[in-house]
Amino acid sequence: MSRHYFHQDLWAARKVYENKPENHIDVGSRIDGFVAHLLTFRTVEVLDVRKMNSSVKGMTFRQVNLMEFQKVPGSVCDSLSCLHALEHFGLGRYGDPIDPEGHIKGLKSLTKMLKSGGTLLLSVPTGKERIEFNGHRIFSVTTILNLTTSDYDLVSFSYIDDTNTLYENVDTSFVPTMLYGCGLYELKKK
């Protein structure tokens, strides 16, 4: 559902602008939203499992399957974004191989790419856990925190609820039950 993208893209672009990283890489986010916002003030390297031909000024592209951990370079950036993309890894929707652990493998690859002390901006659908095959996964906040806690510190958490209202910098323990919201995680690699 595209309703999350407006708030999500602005949230993440503001974080990148405020943090002023040396090297920002995006994985799988919207080119016509978030990446376009970034291109107004910086260069961006974009990685995606899908092929793309582009001559957009300031943007470089590499086709990469982040579920193939051994092919992912290590410690290459101090800022990384993956917005509304991780939930698709391993479901075959975008030509990637079916892999029930695709989201976990993808997260491990994101962690590998990011330098220690670097920032990961991650957004995923949030609500009652389920897979809507072959569309996407919906994660609970607890699941994402459990998947990230060994490698990251949570800097901030925001979310978009079922009414498309953005709540910024909230305590993760006070997130209401949602059918299809969006969790926005600002994480710092240990």
Protein backbone atom coordinates (compact mmCIF):
# COMPACT_ATOMS: atom_id res chain seq x y z
CA MET A 1 0.00 0.00 0.00
CA SER A 2 1.44 3.31 -1.06
CA ARG A 3 -0.14 5.32 1.74
CA HIS A 4 2.97 5.00 3.94
CA TYR A 5 5.42 6.32 1.37
CA PHE A 6 4.83 10.05 1.74
CA HIS A 7 5.54 10.20 5.49
CA GLN A 8 8.19 7.49 5.33
CA ASP A 9 10.17 9.13 2.53
CA LEU A 10 10.18 12.54 4.22
CA TRP A 11 11.10 11.00 7.60
CA ALA A 12 14.10 9.19 6.13
CA ALA A 13 15.25 12.05 3.87
CA ARG A 14 15.27 14.40 6.86
CA LYS A 15 17.36 11.89 8.84
CA VAL A 16 19.94 11.66 6.05
CA TYR A 17 20.00 15.45 5.69
CA GLU A 18 20.48 15.95 9.44
CA ASN A 19 23.12 13.21 9.77
CA LYS A 20 25.15 14.37 6.73
CA PRO A 21 26.81 10.99 6.13
CA GLU A 22 29.90 10.64 3.99
CA ASN A 23 28.50 7.77 1.92
CA HIS A 24 24.80 6.86 1.73
CA ILE A 25 23.56 3.70 0.01
CA ASP A 26 19.91 2.85 -0.52
CA VAL A 27 18.57 -0.67 -0.93
CA GLY A 28 15.29 -1.19 -2.73
CA SER A 29 13.48 2.03 -1.77
CA ARG A 30 11.37 4.12 -4.13
CA ILE A 31 13.38 6.01 -6.74
CA ASP A 32 10.50 8.44 -7.42
CA GLY A 33 10.07 9.24 -3.72
CA PHE A 34 12.80 8.83 -1.13
CA VAL A 35 15.76 8.61 -3.52
CA ALA A 36 14.49 11.63 -5.47
CA HIS A 37 14.34 13.60 -2.21
CA LEU A 38 17.97 12.71 -1.47
CA LEU A 39 19.13 13.63 -4.95
CA THR A 40 18.14 17.25 -4.31
CA PHE A 41 21.05 17.58 -1.87
CA ARG A 42 23.46 14.64 -2.28
CA THR A 43 24.61 11.71 -4.39
CA VAL A 44 23.12 8.26 -3.76
CA GLU A 45 24.16 4.74 -4.68
CA VAL A 46 21.12 2.52 -5.21
CA LEU A 47 21.15 -1.27 -4.93
CA ASP A 48 18.21 -3.40 -6.02
CA VAL A 49 17.51 -6.97 -7.12
CA ARG A 50 15.57 -5.52 -10.06
CA LYS A 51 17.30 -4.28 -13.20
CA MET A 52 17.25 -0.57 -13.81
CA ASN A 53 18.58 1.67 -16.54
CA SER A 54 19.00 5.22 -15.38
CA SER A 55 21.00 8.28 -16.20
CA VAL A 56 19.74 10.35 -13.28
CA LYS A 57 22.37 12.86 -12.19
CA GLY A 58 23.87 12.00 -8.82
CA MET A 59 22.57 8.43 -8.71
CA THR A 60 24.57 5.28 -9.39
CA PHE A 61 22.95 1.85 -9.60
CA ARG A 62 24.09 -1.72 -8.99
CA GLN A 63 21.93 -4.80 -9.37
CA VAL A 64 22.51 -6.93 -6.26
CA ASN A 65 20.63 -9.73 -4.51
CA LEU A 66 21.18 -9.02 -0.81
CA MET A 67 20.17 -12.56 0.10
CA GLU A 68 23.55 -13.64 -1.35
CA PHE A 69 25.64 -12.64 1.67
CA GLN A 70 28.98 -13.73 0.20
CA LYS A 71 28.55 -11.31 -2.74
CA VAL A 72 27.83 -8.29 -0.54
CA PRO A 73 30.78 -5.98 0.21
CA GLY A 74 31.62 -5.25 3.84
CA SER A 75 31.88 -1.91 5.66
CA VAL A 76 31.29 0.26 2.59
CA CYS A 77 29.07 3.05 3.95
CA ASP A 78 28.24 5.03 7.06
CA SER A 79 24.57 5.44 6.15
CA LEU A 80 22.17 2.92 4.68
CA SER A 81 18.44 2.93 3.96
CA CYS A 82 16.02 0.14 3.18
CA LEU A 83 12.49 1.52 3.09
CA HIS A 84 9.49 -0.72 2.54
CA ALA A 85 11.74 -3.29 0.85
CA LEU A 86 12.99 -5.89 3.36
CA GLU A 87 9.50 -7.37 3.65
CA HIS A 88 9.71 -8.51 0.00
CA PHE A 89 13.05 -10.36 0.24
CA GLY A 90 12.66 -14.05 -0.59
CA LEU A 91 9.04 -13.93 -1.72
CA GLY A 92 9.79 -13.91 -5.45
CA ARG A 93 7.74 -10.82 -6.21
CA TYR A 94 10.61 -8.97 -7.85
CA GLY A 95 12.38 -11.87 -9.53
CA ASP A 96 14.33 -12.92 -6.46
CA PRO A 97 14.44 -16.61 -5.51
CA ILE A 98 11.90 -17.94 -3.00
CA ASP A 99 13.55 -18.10 0.41
CA PRO A 100 11.59 -18.17 3.69
CA GLU A 101 14.64 -16.67 5.43
CA GLY A 102 15.08 -13.94 2.80
CA HIS A 103 14.37 -11.05 5.15
CA ILE A 104 16.85 -12.38 7.73
CA LYS A 105 19.55 -12.90 5.09
CA GLY A 106 18.87 -9.43 3.71
CA LEU A 107 19.20 -7.84 7.15
CA LYS A 108 22.51 -9.66 7.71
CA SER A 109 23.77 -8.26 4.40
CA LEU A 110 22.68 -4.74 5.33
CA THR A 111 24.59 -5.11 8.59
CA LYS A 112 27.67 -6.35 6.72
CA MET A 113 27.63 -3.32 4.38
CA LEU A 114 27.38 -0.74 7.16
CA LYS A 115 30.45 0.52 9.00
CA SER A 116 30.53 0.34 12.78
CA GLY A 117 28.80 3.44 14.16
CA GLY A 118 26.85 3.87 10.93
CA THR A 119 23.11 4.50 10.64
CA LEU A 120 20.52 2.14 9.18
CA LEU A 121 17.14 3.65 8.32
CA LEU A 122 14.74 0.73 8.07
CA SER A 123 11.01 0.72 7.45
CA VAL A 124 8.72 -2.28 7.21
CA PRO A 125 4.99 -2.96 7.34
CA THR A 126 3.91 -3.29 10.97
CA GLY A 127 0.95 -5.12 12.45
CA LYS A 128 -0.17 -8.65 13.21
CA GLU A 129 2.59 -10.86 11.84
CA ARG A 130 1.78 -12.57 8.57
CA ILE A 131 2.90 -13.16 5.01
CA GLU A 132 0.67 -11.97 2.21
CA PHE A 133 2.24 -14.14 -0.47
CA ASN A 134 3.85 -13.15 -2.74
CA GLY A 135 3.37 -9.52 -1.82
CA HIS A 136 5.07 -8.88 1.50
CA ARG A 137 5.57 -9.74 5.13
CA ILE A 138 4.07 -7.74 7.99
CA PHE A 139 6.25 -7.65 11.11
CA SER A 140 5.57 -6.92 14.75
CA VAL A 141 7.74 -4.23 16.35
CA THR A 142 9.07 -6.92 18.71
CA THR A 143 10.28 -9.08 15.82
CA ILE A 144 12.27 -6.24 14.25
CA LEU A 145 13.77 -5.29 17.62
CA ASN A 146 14.72 -8.94 18.23
CA LEU A 147 16.32 -9.21 14.77
CA THR A 148 18.37 -6.03 15.23
CA THR A 149 19.27 -5.89 18.93
CA SER A 150 22.54 -7.87 18.71
CA ASP A 151 24.03 -5.60 16.01
CA TYR A 152 22.29 -2.25 16.55
CA ASP A 153 21.19 0.28 19.11
CA LEU A 154 17.77 1.82 18.50
CA VAL A 155 18.27 5.59 18.12
CA SER A 156 14.64 6.42 17.43
CA PHE A 157 11.38 4.75 16.50
CA SER A 158 8.44 6.28 14.66
CA TYR A 159 5.42 4.72 13.03
CA ILE A 160 2.56 5.38 10.65
CA ASP A 161 -0.75 3.95 11.85
CA ASP A 162 -3.73 2.53 9.98
CA THR A 163 -5.16 6.04 9.47
CA ASN A 164 -1.89 7.19 7.81
CA THR A 165 -0.95 9.37 10.80
CA LEU A 166 2.77 9.69 11.56
CA TYR A 167 3.90 9.41 15.19
CA GLU A 168 7.53 10.40 15.65
CA ASN A 169 10.04 9.44 18.34
CA VAL A 170 7.79 7.16 20.37
CA ASP A 171 8.50 4.41 22.88
CA THR A 172 8.24 1.02 21.15
CA SER A 173 6.28 -0.40 24.08
CA PHE A 174 3.37 1.97 23.41
CA VAL A 175 2.66 1.10 19.78
CA PRO A 176 -1.04 0.28 19.34
CA THR A 177 -2.33 -2.78 17.54
CA MET A 178 -2.43 -2.09 13.80
CA LEU A 179 -3.62 -4.03 10.80
CA TYR A 180 -1.15 -2.53 8.31
CA GLY A 181 0.99 0.26 9.69
CA CYS A 182 4.62 1.09 9.02
CA GLY A 183 7.48 0.97 11.53
CA LEU A 184 10.32 3.47 11.02
CA TYR A 185 13.55 2.45 12.74
CA GLU A 186 16.66 4.60 13.07
CA LEU A 187 19.40 2.18 14.11
CA LYS A 188 23.08 2.68 14.93
CA LYS A 189 25.45 -0.22 14.26
CA LYS A 190 27.46 -1.31 17.30
